[in-house]
Amino acid sequence: MKRLAILASGSGSNAEKIMEHFQNSEIAEIALVASNKADAFVLERAKKFDVPTFTFSRKEMDAGVLLQKLQQENIDWVILAGFLLKIPVELTRAFPDRMVNIHPALLPKYGGKGMYGSFVHEAVKAAGEAETGITIHLVNENYDEGRIVFQASTPLTSDDTPDSIAEKVHALEHKHFPEVIEGLL
């Protein structure tokens, strides 16, 4: 059985869908939910599924504390679900092709540093895009540049707002992310 760790910085709606998906799985278990924010709601979501949690600072992550914890827990795969810090090179090297992220746009558009959450949806709206979507990709040393493993799109209209775009994107994330993770395993 594969042991998965979810890294998240906020609410954790994607993390919850992943925990639901794998709660009775014979393939994988969510062994840890870790966050760089002690007040992140994802930690409360993890409690509902009896998943252990771990919090750390950016400084601790950069010093290898997170990597050490993942190794102690015998983690096979790392799932980034709304995790906002750049992953240190040592961590990406410890999980080559075993770290996956979801991005709320169709990469390579609207990716890179500072492009997360509402910033992405505002940029998509400002550009007048006819569609947007999600990209699930492996993680490397650069923001949003790892190998793309899955994309799904949704049409947009001129009436869409950044908030309605976010709703459409969240629906795609919740539908596809757990299934794609299982497929990667």
N, C-alpha and C. Protein backbone atom coordinates (compact mmCIF):
# COMPACT_ATOMS: atom_id res chain seq x y z
N MET A 1 0.84 -1.18 0.00
CA MET A 1 0.00 0.00 0.00
C MET A 1 0.89 1.24 0.00
N LYS A 2 0.58 2.16 -0.91
CA LYS A 2 1.34 3.42 -0.99
C LYS A 2 0.91 4.36 0.12
N ARG A 3 1.88 5.07 0.67
CA ARG A 3 1.62 6.05 1.73
C ARG A 3 1.75 7.44 1.12
N LEU A 4 0.66 8.21 1.20
CA LEU A 4 0.62 9.54 0.61
C LEU A 4 0.61 10.60 1.69
N ALA A 5 1.30 11.71 1.39
CA ALA A 5 1.24 12.89 2.24
C ALA A 5 0.66 14.02 1.40
N ILE A 6 -0.24 14.77 1.99
CA ILE A 6 -0.82 15.94 1.34
C ILE A 6 -0.23 17.18 1.99
N LEU A 7 0.28 18.10 1.16
CA LEU A 7 0.74 19.40 1.64
C LEU A 7 -0.28 20.44 1.20
N ALA A 8 -0.75 21.25 2.13
CA ALA A 8 -1.73 22.27 1.83
C ALA A 8 -1.51 23.48 2.72
N SER A 9 -1.89 24.65 2.22
CA SER A 9 -1.69 25.88 2.98
C SER A 9 -2.99 26.53 3.45
N GLY A 10 -4.13 26.04 2.97
CA GLY A 10 -5.38 26.75 3.27
C GLY A 10 -6.53 25.87 3.68
N SER A 11 -7.67 26.11 3.05
CA SER A 11 -8.93 25.47 3.40
C SER A 11 -8.89 23.95 3.24
N GLY A 12 -8.32 23.48 2.16
CA GLY A 12 -8.17 22.04 1.99
C GLY A 12 -9.34 21.32 1.36
N SER A 13 -10.11 21.99 0.51
CA SER A 13 -11.24 21.28 -0.12
C SER A 13 -10.75 20.17 -1.04
N ASN A 14 -9.66 20.39 -1.77
CA ASN A 14 -9.10 19.32 -2.59
C ASN A 14 -8.54 18.20 -1.72
N ALA A 15 -7.88 18.56 -0.64
CA ALA A 15 -7.34 17.55 0.28
C ALA A 15 -8.47 16.67 0.82
N GLU A 16 -9.60 17.29 1.15
CA GLU A 16 -10.73 16.51 1.66
C GLU A 16 -11.24 15.52 0.62
N LYS A 17 -11.34 15.96 -0.63
CA LYS A 17 -11.79 15.05 -1.70
C LYS A 17 -10.81 13.89 -1.87
N ILE A 18 -9.53 14.17 -1.73
CA ILE A 18 -8.51 13.12 -1.84
C ILE A 18 -8.62 12.15 -0.65
N MET A 19 -8.81 12.69 0.56
CA MET A 19 -8.97 11.82 1.74
C MET A 19 -10.22 10.96 1.61
N GLU A 20 -11.31 11.53 1.11
CA GLU A 20 -12.54 10.75 0.88
C GLU A 20 -12.26 9.62 -0.11
N HIS A 21 -11.60 9.96 -1.19
CA HIS A 21 -11.34 8.99 -2.26
C HIS A 21 -10.53 7.79 -1.77
N PHE A 22 -9.54 8.05 -0.94
CA PHE A 22 -8.64 6.98 -0.51
C PHE A 22 -8.97 6.37 0.86
N GLN A 23 -10.06 6.81 1.50
CA GLN A 23 -10.29 6.35 2.87
C GLN A 23 -10.51 4.84 2.97
N ASN A 24 -11.00 4.18 1.94
CA ASN A 24 -11.18 2.72 1.98
C ASN A 24 -10.41 2.04 0.86
N SER A 25 -9.36 2.68 0.40
CA SER A 25 -8.60 2.18 -0.74
C SER A 25 -7.69 1.02 -0.35
N GLU A 26 -7.50 0.12 -1.30
CA GLU A 26 -6.54 -0.97 -1.12
C GLU A 26 -5.21 -0.61 -1.79
N ILE A 27 -5.18 0.54 -2.47
CA ILE A 27 -4.00 0.98 -3.22
C ILE A 27 -3.12 1.93 -2.40
N ALA A 28 -3.79 2.85 -1.69
CA ALA A 28 -3.05 3.90 -0.99
C ALA A 28 -3.81 4.39 0.22
N GLU A 29 -3.05 5.00 1.13
CA GLU A 29 -3.65 5.64 2.30
C GLU A 29 -3.05 7.03 2.46
N ILE A 30 -3.86 7.93 2.97
CA ILE A 30 -3.35 9.25 3.30
C ILE A 30 -2.73 9.12 4.69
N ALA A 31 -1.41 9.17 4.73
CA ALA A 31 -0.68 8.92 5.97
C ALA A 31 -0.37 10.20 6.74
N LEU A 32 -0.48 11.36 6.04
CA LEU A 32 -0.11 12.62 6.69
C LEU A 32 -0.69 13.79 5.91
N VAL A 33 -1.16 14.79 6.64
CA VAL A 33 -1.50 16.09 6.07
C VAL A 33 -0.59 17.10 6.74
N ALA A 34 0.17 17.82 5.94
CA ALA A 34 1.13 18.78 6.49
C ALA A 34 0.84 20.17 5.94
N SER A 35 1.03 21.17 6.78
CA SER A 35 0.76 22.55 6.38
C SER A 35 1.81 23.50 6.95
N ASN A 36 2.06 24.55 6.19
CA ASN A 36 2.94 25.61 6.65
C ASN A 36 2.19 26.65 7.46
N LYS A 37 0.90 26.44 7.69
CA LYS A 37 0.09 27.38 8.46
C LYS A 37 -0.63 26.63 9.56
N ALA A 38 -0.34 26.98 10.80
CA ALA A 38 -0.92 26.27 11.95
C ALA A 38 -2.43 26.44 12.03
N ASP A 39 -2.98 27.49 11.41
CA ASP A 39 -4.42 27.73 11.46
C ASP A 39 -5.12 27.33 10.16
N ALA A 40 -4.46 26.60 9.28
CA ALA A 40 -5.07 26.19 8.02
C ALA A 40 -6.22 25.22 8.30
N PHE A 41 -7.35 25.46 7.65
CA PHE A 41 -8.53 24.62 7.89
C PHE A 41 -8.32 23.18 7.42
N VAL A 42 -7.37 22.97 6.52
CA VAL A 42 -7.09 21.61 6.06
C VAL A 42 -6.74 20.70 7.24
N LEU A 43 -6.16 21.24 8.29
CA LEU A 43 -5.80 20.44 9.46
C LEU A 43 -7.05 19.93 10.18
N GLU A 44 -8.11 20.74 10.20
CA GLU A 44 -9.39 20.31 10.77
C GLU A 44 -10.03 19.23 9.90
N ARG A 45 -9.94 19.41 8.58
CA ARG A 45 -10.49 18.40 7.66
C ARG A 45 -9.79 17.05 7.88
N ALA A 46 -8.48 17.09 8.10
CA ALA A 46 -7.73 15.85 8.31
C ALA A 46 -8.23 15.11 9.55
N LYS A 47 -8.60 15.85 10.59
CA LYS A 47 -9.08 15.22 11.83
C LYS A 47 -10.33 14.38 11.58
N LYS A 48 -11.20 14.85 10.66
CA LYS A 48 -12.42 14.10 10.34
C LYS A 48 -12.10 12.70 9.80
N PHE A 49 -10.93 12.56 9.19
CA PHE A 49 -10.53 11.29 8.59
C PHE A 49 -9.47 10.56 9.43
N ASP A 50 -9.22 11.08 10.64
CA ASP A 50 -8.21 10.51 11.53
C ASP A 50 -6.83 10.44 10.86
N VAL A 51 -6.52 11.45 10.07
CA VAL A 51 -5.22 11.52 9.41
C VAL A 51 -4.29 12.38 10.27
N PRO A 52 -3.12 11.88 10.60
CA PRO A 52 -2.17 12.67 11.38
C PRO A 52 -1.79 13.96 10.64
N THR A 53 -1.51 15.00 11.41
CA THR A 53 -1.13 16.29 10.83
C THR A 53 0.24 16.72 11.33
N PHE A 54 0.81 17.65 10.58
CA PHE A 54 2.14 18.17 10.90
C PHE A 54 2.21 19.59 10.39
N THR A 55 2.71 20.50 11.21
CA THR A 55 2.89 21.88 10.78
C THR A 55 4.36 22.25 10.86
N PHE A 56 4.73 23.17 10.00
CA PHE A 56 6.14 23.57 9.88
C PHE A 56 6.19 24.98 9.31
N SER A 57 7.29 25.65 9.56
CA SER A 57 7.51 26.99 9.00
C SER A 57 8.31 26.87 7.70
N ARG A 58 8.34 27.95 6.96
CA ARG A 58 9.16 27.98 5.74
C ARG A 58 10.62 27.70 6.09
N LYS A 59 11.07 28.31 7.18
CA LYS A 59 12.47 28.12 7.61
C LYS A 59 12.74 26.65 7.93
N GLU A 60 11.80 26.01 8.62
CA GLU A 60 11.96 24.59 8.94
C GLU A 60 11.96 23.74 7.66
N MET A 61 11.07 24.09 6.72
CA MET A 61 11.04 23.34 5.47
C MET A 61 12.37 23.47 4.74
N ASP A 62 12.87 24.69 4.65
CA ASP A 62 14.14 24.93 3.97
C ASP A 62 15.31 24.23 4.68
N ALA A 63 15.17 24.02 5.98
CA ALA A 63 16.23 23.35 6.75
C ALA A 63 16.10 21.82 6.73
N GLY A 64 15.10 21.31 6.02
CA GLY A 64 14.97 19.87 5.87
C GLY A 64 14.05 19.18 6.86
N VAL A 65 13.35 19.95 7.70
CA VAL A 65 12.47 19.36 8.71
C VAL A 65 11.31 18.60 8.05
N LEU A 66 10.73 19.20 7.01
CA LEU A 66 9.61 18.53 6.32
C LEU A 66 10.10 17.24 5.65
N LEU A 67 11.20 17.31 4.96
CA LEU A 67 11.74 16.12 4.30
C LEU A 67 12.00 15.01 5.32
N GLN A 68 12.56 15.37 6.46
CA GLN A 68 12.82 14.39 7.51
C GLN A 68 11.52 13.75 7.99
N LYS A 69 10.49 14.56 8.17
CA LYS A 69 9.19 14.03 8.62
C LYS A 69 8.61 13.08 7.57
N LEU A 70 8.68 13.45 6.29
CA LEU A 70 8.16 12.59 5.22
C LEU A 70 8.91 11.26 5.18
N GLN A 71 10.20 11.32 5.39
CA GLN A 71 11.00 10.09 5.41
C GLN A 71 10.67 9.24 6.63
N GLN A 72 10.51 9.87 7.79
CA GLN A 72 10.14 9.14 9.01
C GLN A 72 8.81 8.41 8.85
N GLU A 73 7.91 9.03 8.10
CA GLU A 73 6.57 8.46 7.90
C GLU A 73 6.52 7.49 6.71
N ASN A 74 7.68 7.23 6.10
CA ASN A 74 7.75 6.32 4.94
C ASN A 74 6.79 6.70 3.83
N ILE A 75 6.77 7.98 3.51
CA ILE A 75 5.88 8.50 2.47
C ILE A 75 6.41 8.11 1.09
N ASP A 76 5.49 7.60 0.27
CA ASP A 76 5.84 7.21 -1.10
C ASP A 76 5.57 8.33 -2.11
N TRP A 77 4.47 9.05 -1.90
CA TRP A 77 4.07 10.13 -2.82
C TRP A 77 3.70 11.37 -2.02
N VAL A 78 4.01 12.54 -2.58
CA VAL A 78 3.62 13.82 -1.98
C VAL A 78 2.64 14.50 -2.92
N ILE A 79 1.51 14.91 -2.37
CA ILE A 79 0.45 15.55 -3.13
C ILE A 79 0.36 17.01 -2.68
N LEU A 80 0.52 17.94 -3.61
CA LEU A 80 0.37 19.35 -3.29
C LEU A 80 -1.06 19.75 -3.65
N ALA A 81 -1.81 20.18 -2.64
CA ALA A 81 -3.21 20.54 -2.84
C ALA A 81 -3.42 21.93 -2.25
N GLY A 82 -3.08 22.94 -3.02
CA GLY A 82 -3.17 24.31 -2.51
C GLY A 82 -2.02 24.64 -1.58
N PHE A 83 -0.86 24.13 -1.89
CA PHE A 83 0.34 24.43 -1.10
C PHE A 83 1.05 25.59 -1.78
N LEU A 84 1.30 26.67 -1.04
CA LEU A 84 1.73 27.92 -1.65
C LEU A 84 3.22 28.20 -1.60
N LEU A 85 4.00 27.39 -0.90
CA LEU A 85 5.43 27.65 -0.84
C LEU A 85 6.15 26.89 -1.95
N LYS A 86 7.25 27.47 -2.42
CA LYS A 86 8.08 26.78 -3.40
C LYS A 86 8.78 25.61 -2.70
N ILE A 87 8.75 24.47 -3.36
CA ILE A 87 9.34 23.26 -2.79
C ILE A 87 10.86 23.32 -2.92
N PRO A 88 11.59 23.09 -1.85
CA PRO A 88 13.05 23.07 -1.94
C PRO A 88 13.54 21.96 -2.87
N VAL A 89 14.66 22.23 -3.52
CA VAL A 89 15.23 21.28 -4.48
C VAL A 89 15.46 19.92 -3.83
N GLU A 90 15.94 19.90 -2.60
CA GLU A 90 16.21 18.63 -1.91
C GLU A 90 14.94 17.78 -1.79
N LEU A 91 13.83 18.44 -1.59
CA LEU A 91 12.56 17.72 -1.46
C LEU A 91 12.10 17.17 -2.81
N THR A 92 12.24 17.96 -3.87
CA THR A 92 11.85 17.45 -5.19
C THR A 92 12.75 16.28 -5.60
N ARG A 93 14.00 16.36 -5.24
CA ARG A 93 14.93 15.27 -5.59
C ARG A 93 14.66 14.00 -4.77
N ALA A 94 14.11 14.15 -3.58
CA ALA A 94 13.80 13.00 -2.74
C ALA A 94 12.57 12.24 -3.25
N PHE A 95 11.74 12.92 -4.04
CA PHE A 95 10.52 12.32 -4.57
C PHE A 95 10.44 12.51 -6.09
N PRO A 96 11.43 12.03 -6.82
CA PRO A 96 11.42 12.23 -8.28
C PRO A 96 10.23 11.52 -8.92
N ASP A 97 9.45 12.27 -9.68
CA ASP A 97 8.25 11.73 -10.34
C ASP A 97 7.27 11.10 -9.36
N ARG A 98 7.35 11.53 -8.08
CA ARG A 98 6.43 11.05 -7.05
C ARG A 98 5.88 12.21 -6.23
N MET A 99 5.86 13.39 -6.87
CA MET A 99 5.28 14.58 -6.24
C MET A 99 4.41 15.23 -7.31
N VAL A 100 3.15 15.46 -6.96
CA VAL A 100 2.19 15.95 -7.94
C VAL A 100 1.47 17.18 -7.40
N ASN A 101 1.17 18.11 -8.31
CA ASN A 101 0.52 19.37 -7.96
C ASN A 101 -0.68 19.58 -8.87
N ILE A 102 -1.63 20.35 -8.39
CA ILE A 102 -2.74 20.78 -9.23
C ILE A 102 -2.68 22.29 -9.35
N HIS A 103 -2.89 22.78 -10.59
CA HIS A 103 -2.85 24.22 -10.85
C HIS A 103 -4.19 24.64 -11.44
N PRO A 104 -4.75 25.78 -11.00
CA PRO A 104 -6.10 26.17 -11.43
C PRO A 104 -6.14 26.93 -12.77
N ALA A 105 -5.40 26.43 -13.75
CA ALA A 105 -5.43 27.01 -15.10
C ALA A 105 -4.81 25.99 -16.05
N LEU A 106 -4.92 26.29 -17.32
CA LEU A 106 -4.35 25.41 -18.34
C LEU A 106 -2.92 25.84 -18.61
N LEU A 107 -2.00 25.21 -17.90
CA LEU A 107 -0.58 25.53 -18.10
C LEU A 107 -0.20 25.22 -19.54
N PRO A 108 0.72 25.96 -20.13
CA PRO A 108 1.65 26.88 -19.48
C PRO A 108 1.10 28.28 -19.22
N LYS A 109 -0.14 28.56 -19.62
CA LYS A 109 -0.72 29.87 -19.33
C LYS A 109 -0.98 30.02 -17.84
N TYR A 110 -0.79 31.22 -17.34
CA TYR A 110 -1.16 31.60 -15.98
C TYR A 110 -0.49 30.75 -14.90
N GLY A 111 0.76 30.42 -15.12
CA GLY A 111 1.54 29.70 -14.13
C GLY A 111 2.69 30.54 -13.64
N GLY A 112 3.44 30.00 -12.70
CA GLY A 112 4.62 30.67 -12.20
C GLY A 112 4.40 31.32 -10.86
N LYS A 113 5.43 31.98 -10.38
CA LYS A 113 5.40 32.61 -9.06
C LYS A 113 4.26 33.62 -8.97
N GLY A 114 3.51 33.55 -7.89
CA GLY A 114 2.43 34.49 -7.64
C GLY A 114 1.13 34.14 -8.33
N MET A 115 1.13 33.10 -9.15
CA MET A 115 -0.09 32.72 -9.86
C MET A 115 -0.75 31.55 -9.13
N TYR A 116 -1.62 31.91 -8.21
CA TYR A 116 -2.38 30.93 -7.45
C TYR A 116 -3.73 31.52 -7.10
N GLY A 117 -4.69 30.65 -6.84
CA GLY A 117 -6.01 31.07 -6.38
C GLY A 117 -6.63 32.17 -7.22
N SER A 118 -7.17 33.17 -6.54
CA SER A 118 -7.91 34.23 -7.22
C SER A 118 -7.05 35.02 -8.21
N PHE A 119 -5.74 35.06 -7.99
CA PHE A 119 -4.87 35.78 -8.93
C PHE A 119 -4.95 35.14 -10.32
N VAL A 120 -5.04 33.83 -10.36
CA VAL A 120 -5.14 33.13 -11.64
C VAL A 120 -6.48 33.45 -12.30
N HIS A 121 -7.56 33.36 -11.54
CA HIS A 121 -8.89 33.58 -12.11
C HIS A 121 -9.08 35.03 -12.57
N GLU A 122 -8.50 35.97 -11.84
CA GLU A 122 -8.56 37.37 -12.25
C GLU A 122 -7.80 37.58 -13.56
N ALA A 123 -6.64 36.93 -13.70
CA ALA A 123 -5.85 37.06 -14.93
C ALA A 123 -6.57 36.43 -16.12
N VAL A 124 -7.20 35.29 -15.90
CA VAL A 124 -7.96 34.62 -16.96
C VAL A 124 -9.10 35.52 -17.42
N LYS A 125 -9.82 36.12 -16.47
CA LYS A 125 -10.94 37.02 -16.80
C LYS A 125 -10.43 38.25 -17.54
N ALA A 126 -9.35 38.86 -17.05
CA ALA A 126 -8.81 40.07 -17.66
C ALA A 126 -8.36 39.82 -19.10
N ALA A 127 -7.90 38.61 -19.38
CA ALA A 127 -7.43 38.28 -20.73
C ALA A 127 -8.57 37.91 -21.66
N GLY A 128 -9.77 37.77 -21.13
CA GLY A 128 -10.92 37.44 -21.97
C GLY A 128 -10.88 36.03 -22.54
N GLU A 129 -10.30 35.11 -21.79
CA GLU A 129 -10.17 33.73 -22.27
C GLU A 129 -11.54 33.09 -22.51
N ALA A 130 -11.62 32.24 -23.51
CA ALA A 130 -12.85 31.51 -23.83
C ALA A 130 -12.97 30.24 -23.00
N GLU A 131 -11.87 29.80 -22.42
CA GLU A 131 -11.88 28.62 -21.58
C GLU A 131 -10.77 28.71 -20.55
N THR A 132 -10.95 27.93 -19.51
CA THR A 132 -9.90 27.74 -18.51
C THR A 132 -10.01 26.31 -18.04
N GLY A 133 -9.25 25.97 -17.02
CA GLY A 133 -9.33 24.60 -16.55
C GLY A 133 -8.33 24.32 -15.47
N ILE A 134 -7.93 23.05 -15.42
CA ILE A 134 -6.96 22.60 -14.43
C ILE A 134 -5.82 21.88 -15.12
N THR A 135 -4.68 21.91 -14.47
CA THR A 135 -3.53 21.15 -14.91
C THR A 135 -2.98 20.39 -13.71
N ILE A 136 -2.82 19.09 -13.88
CA ILE A 136 -2.19 18.26 -12.86
C ILE A 136 -0.82 17.89 -13.42
N HIS A 137 0.21 18.20 -12.65
CA HIS A 137 1.57 18.00 -13.16
C HIS A 137 2.50 17.50 -12.07
N LEU A 138 3.56 16.84 -12.51
CA LEU A 138 4.61 16.44 -11.58
C LEU A 138 5.39 17.69 -11.18
N VAL A 139 6.00 17.66 -10.02
CA VAL A 139 6.69 18.83 -9.48
C VAL A 139 8.19 18.70 -9.71
N ASN A 140 8.78 19.80 -10.20
CA ASN A 140 10.23 19.88 -10.30
C ASN A 140 10.69 21.12 -9.55
N GLU A 141 11.91 21.58 -9.84
CA GLU A 141 12.49 22.70 -9.09
C GLU A 141 11.86 24.05 -9.41
N ASN A 142 11.06 24.15 -10.47
CA ASN A 142 10.49 25.43 -10.90
C ASN A 142 8.97 25.42 -10.75
N TYR A 143 8.41 26.58 -10.40
CA TYR A 143 6.96 26.71 -10.28
C TYR A 143 6.28 26.27 -11.58
N ASP A 144 5.36 25.32 -11.46
CA ASP A 144 4.43 24.96 -12.54
C ASP A 144 5.10 24.54 -13.85
N GLU A 145 6.29 23.97 -13.77
CA GLU A 145 6.99 23.56 -14.98
C GLU A 145 7.19 22.06 -15.11
N GLY A 146 6.72 21.29 -14.14
CA GLY A 146 6.87 19.84 -14.21
C GLY A 146 6.02 19.23 -15.31
N ARG A 147 6.32 17.98 -15.63
CA ARG A 147 5.61 17.29 -16.72
C ARG A 147 4.11 17.23 -16.45
N ILE A 148 3.34 17.67 -17.43
CA ILE A 148 1.88 17.67 -17.32
C ILE A 148 1.38 16.24 -17.49
N VAL A 149 0.53 15.79 -16.57
CA VAL A 149 -0.04 14.45 -16.65
C VAL A 149 -1.53 14.47 -16.98
N PHE A 150 -2.20 15.62 -16.77
CA PHE A 150 -3.63 15.69 -17.05
C PHE A 150 -4.07 17.14 -17.14
N GLN A 151 -4.99 17.41 -18.07
CA GLN A 151 -5.65 18.71 -18.13
C GLN A 151 -7.12 18.50 -18.43
N ALA A 152 -7.95 19.35 -17.89
CA ALA A 152 -9.39 19.38 -18.19
C ALA A 152 -9.78 20.83 -18.31
N SER A 153 -10.70 21.12 -19.21
CA SER A 153 -11.09 22.51 -19.43
C SER A 153 -12.58 22.71 -19.25
N THR A 154 -12.95 23.96 -19.09
CA THR A 154 -14.35 24.36 -18.98
C THR A 154 -14.52 25.66 -19.77
N PRO A 155 -15.63 25.79 -20.50
CA PRO A 155 -15.85 27.02 -21.26
C PRO A 155 -16.17 28.20 -20.34
N LEU A 156 -15.83 29.37 -20.81
CA LEU A 156 -16.14 30.61 -20.09
C LEU A 156 -17.00 31.49 -20.98
N THR A 157 -17.78 32.34 -20.35
CA THR A 157 -18.57 33.33 -21.08
C THR A 157 -18.17 34.72 -20.61
N SER A 158 -18.62 35.72 -21.33
CA SER A 158 -18.30 37.09 -20.93
C SER A 158 -18.95 37.45 -19.60
N ASP A 159 -19.97 36.71 -19.20
CA ASP A 159 -20.65 36.96 -17.92
C ASP A 159 -19.89 36.38 -16.72
N ASP A 160 -18.93 35.50 -16.97
CA ASP A 160 -18.18 34.91 -15.87
C ASP A 160 -17.38 35.96 -15.13
N THR A 161 -17.32 35.79 -13.82
CA THR A 161 -16.52 36.65 -12.95
C THR A 161 -15.38 35.80 -12.39
N PRO A 162 -14.38 36.40 -11.78
CA PRO A 162 -13.35 35.57 -11.14
C PRO A 162 -13.94 34.55 -10.16
N ASP A 163 -15.01 34.93 -9.45
CA ASP A 163 -15.64 34.00 -8.51
C ASP A 163 -16.32 32.84 -9.23
N SER A 164 -17.03 33.12 -10.31
CA SER A 164 -17.70 32.03 -11.03
C SER A 164 -16.68 31.15 -11.75
N ILE A 165 -15.58 31.75 -12.20
CA ILE A 165 -14.49 30.96 -12.79
C ILE A 165 -13.91 30.02 -11.73
N ALA A 166 -13.71 30.54 -10.53
CA ALA A 166 -13.18 29.71 -9.44
C ALA A 166 -14.11 28.53 -9.16
N GLU A 167 -15.42 28.75 -9.17
CA GLU A 167 -16.38 27.66 -8.93
C GLU A 167 -16.24 26.58 -10.00
N LYS A 168 -16.14 27.00 -11.26
CA LYS A 168 -16.00 26.03 -12.36
C LYS A 168 -14.70 25.23 -12.22
N VAL A 169 -13.63 25.93 -11.86
CA VAL A 169 -12.33 25.27 -11.70
C VAL A 169 -12.35 24.30 -10.52
N HIS A 170 -12.95 24.73 -9.40
CA HIS A 170 -13.04 23.83 -8.24
C HIS A 170 -13.80 22.56 -8.58
N ALA A 171 -14.86 22.67 -9.36
CA ALA A 171 -15.62 21.47 -9.75
C ALA A 171 -14.72 20.51 -10.52
N LEU A 172 -13.90 21.03 -11.42
CA LEU A 172 -12.97 20.17 -12.16
C LEU A 172 -11.93 19.55 -11.24
N GLU A 173 -11.41 20.35 -10.32
CA GLU A 173 -10.39 19.85 -9.38
C GLU A 173 -10.95 18.69 -8.56
N HIS A 174 -12.12 18.90 -7.97
CA HIS A 174 -12.71 17.89 -7.09
C HIS A 174 -13.06 16.62 -7.85
N LYS A 175 -13.47 16.76 -9.09
CA LYS A 175 -13.82 15.60 -9.90
C LYS A 175 -12.59 14.79 -10.32
N HIS A 176 -11.55 15.46 -10.75
CA HIS A 176 -10.44 14.78 -11.41
C HIS A 176 -9.21 14.48 -10.55
N PHE A 177 -8.87 15.34 -9.59
CA PHE A 177 -7.59 15.20 -8.89
C PHE A 177 -7.44 13.83 -8.20
N PRO A 178 -8.43 13.38 -7.41
CA PRO A 178 -8.26 12.07 -6.76
C PRO A 178 -8.07 10.93 -7.76
N GLU A 179 -8.84 10.96 -8.85
CA GLU A 179 -8.73 9.89 -9.87
C GLU A 179 -7.39 9.89 -10.55
N VAL A 180 -6.87 11.08 -10.86
CA VAL A 180 -5.57 11.17 -11.53
C VAL A 180 -4.47 10.69 -10.60
N ILE A 181 -4.55 11.05 -9.34
CA ILE A 181 -3.57 10.56 -8.35
C ILE A 181 -3.58 9.04 -8.33
N GLU A 182 -4.76 8.45 -8.26
CA GLU A 182 -4.85 6.98 -8.24
C GLU A 182 -4.23 6.38 -9.50
N GLY A 183 -4.48 7.01 -10.63
CA GLY A 183 -3.90 6.54 -11.89
C GLY A 183 -2.37 6.60 -11.90
N LEU A 184 -1.82 7.62 -11.25
CA LEU A 184 -0.36 7.75 -11.18
C LEU A 184 0.28 6.67 -10.31
N LEU A 185 -0.45 6.23 -9.31
CA LEU A 185 0.08 5.22 -8.39
C LEU A 185 0.24 3.88 -9.07
